[in-house]
Each structure stands twice: as structure tokens, then as C-alpha cells.
Amino acid sequence: MRKEYDFSKAKRGAAVAAPKGKARITIRLDEEVLNWFKGQVDAAGGGNYQTLINTALVDHIKREAEPLERTLRRVLREELRKAS
């Protein structure tokens, strides 16, 4: 290992750039929430808990934009499936 290194041309920032359409952020989540998502990934035999969180948020946004009638129909279908 060298005794001295030249950092005069070094740049600060992430070692790996975020893919296009993605943003690198810091977010604070309750441990209970984070553990639940990690548990889901473990139960599925692998994957990425961050992707699972992103998918859950996208699904929530889509449902928020869903008209009330469609929401009611979806919930009724889900409940009827559970009852059968």
C-alpha cells in the first residue's frame, strides 16, 4: 500500500450512479415496517426489500387515483374470494 495517494482529481458523490428514472434518497421508516418488508422477501426466498417497498408505494398511489366505485368493486371481489 502506498504511503501517499493523490486525491487532487477525486470527485465526491455516490460510487454508483442511480439508474435513470430512480432517485437515491435517505428515508426513515419504523423498524416494524422495515422488518415486515424484509420478512416478505425472506418468505419469498429472496429479492430486494427496497423494490418491494417501491412496488407497495406505487400500488398505493394507483389505488388513491382509483374511482370510489372501482375501489368498492375490487374490495367486494377480494372479500368474496376469501369467503369461498
Protein backbone atom coordinates (compact mmCIF):
# COMPACT_ATOMS: atom_id res chain seq x y z
CA MET A 1 0.00 0.00 0.00
CA ARG A 2 1.29 3.48 -0.84
CA LYS A 3 2.22 5.94 1.86
CA GLU A 4 0.55 8.77 -0.06
CA TYR A 5 -2.29 8.96 -2.57
CA ASP A 6 -3.16 11.79 -4.96
CA PHE A 7 -6.78 12.85 -4.43
CA SER A 8 -6.45 16.11 -6.37
CA LYS A 9 -8.73 14.84 -9.18
CA ALA A 10 -11.14 12.94 -6.91
CA LYS A 11 -14.86 13.63 -7.04
CA ARG A 12 -17.32 13.38 -4.19
CA GLY A 13 -20.57 11.52 -4.60
CA ALA A 14 -22.09 8.10 -4.94
CA ALA A 15 -19.80 5.35 -6.15
CA VAL A 16 -22.59 4.02 -8.36
CA ALA A 17 -24.99 6.39 -10.06
CA ALA A 18 -28.72 5.73 -9.68
CA PRO A 19 -30.35 4.27 -12.81
CA LYS A 20 -32.36 6.65 -14.98
CA GLY A 21 -35.80 7.22 -13.52
CA LYS A 22 -34.62 6.40 -9.98
CA ALA A 23 -33.53 8.77 -7.23
CA ARG A 24 -31.19 7.99 -4.36
CA ILE A 25 -32.74 9.21 -1.09
CA THR A 26 -32.48 8.67 2.63
CA ILE A 27 -35.75 7.75 4.32
CA ARG A 28 -36.57 6.87 7.91
CA LEU A 29 -39.01 4.00 8.40
CA ASP A 30 -40.27 2.37 11.56
CA GLU A 31 -38.31 -0.78 12.33
CA GLU A 32 -41.61 -2.69 12.34
CA VAL A 33 -42.31 -1.62 8.74
CA LEU A 34 -38.79 -2.38 7.54
CA ASN A 35 -38.76 -5.78 9.27
CA TRP A 36 -42.12 -6.65 7.67
CA PHE A 37 -40.82 -5.95 4.16
CA LYS A 38 -37.58 -7.82 4.84
CA GLY A 39 -39.64 -10.73 6.17
CA GLN A 40 -41.71 -10.77 2.98
CA VAL A 41 -38.53 -11.01 0.91
CA ASP A 42 -37.20 -13.82 3.12
CA ALA A 43 -40.51 -15.71 2.87
CA ALA A 44 -40.40 -15.39 -0.92
CA GLY A 45 -36.93 -16.91 -0.96
CA GLY A 46 -35.07 -13.77 -1.92
CA GLY A 47 -35.41 -10.47 -3.68
CA ASN A 48 -34.96 -6.86 -2.72
CA TYR A 49 -36.93 -5.26 0.11
CA GLN A 50 -36.39 -1.80 -1.40
CA THR A 51 -38.07 -2.90 -4.63
CA LEU A 52 -40.93 -4.34 -2.59
CA ILE A 53 -41.37 -1.03 -0.73
CA ASN A 54 -41.33 0.85 -4.05
CA THR A 55 -43.96 -1.50 -5.50
CA ALA A 56 -46.18 -1.04 -2.43
CA LEU A 57 -45.95 2.74 -2.75
CA VAL A 58 -46.74 2.67 -6.49
CA ASP A 59 -49.75 0.40 -5.82
CA HIS A 60 -50.96 2.80 -3.14
CA ILE A 61 -50.69 5.78 -5.49
CA LYS A 62 -52.64 3.92 -8.19
CA ARG A 63 -55.36 2.98 -5.71
CA GLU A 64 -55.60 6.55 -4.43
CA ALA A 65 -56.36 7.61 -8.01
CA GLU A 66 -58.92 4.80 -8.39
CA PRO A 67 -62.56 5.97 -8.53
CA LEU A 68 -64.65 5.04 -5.47
CA GLU A 69 -66.90 2.65 -7.42
CA ARG A 70 -63.92 0.69 -8.74
CA THR A 71 -62.45 0.55 -5.22
CA LEU A 72 -65.69 -0.83 -3.80
CA ARG A 73 -65.96 -3.43 -6.56
CA ARG A 74 -62.35 -4.52 -6.02
CA VAL A 75 -62.78 -4.82 -2.25
CA LEU A 76 -66.01 -6.80 -2.66
CA ARG A 77 -64.36 -9.20 -5.13
CA GLU A 78 -61.43 -9.71 -2.75
CA GLU A 79 -63.74 -10.38 0.19
CA LEU A 80 -65.95 -12.75 -1.79
CA ARG A 81 -62.85 -14.71 -2.85
CA LYS A 82 -61.80 -15.00 0.80
CA ALA A 83 -65.26 -16.23 1.80
CA SER A 84 -65.36 -19.01 -0.82
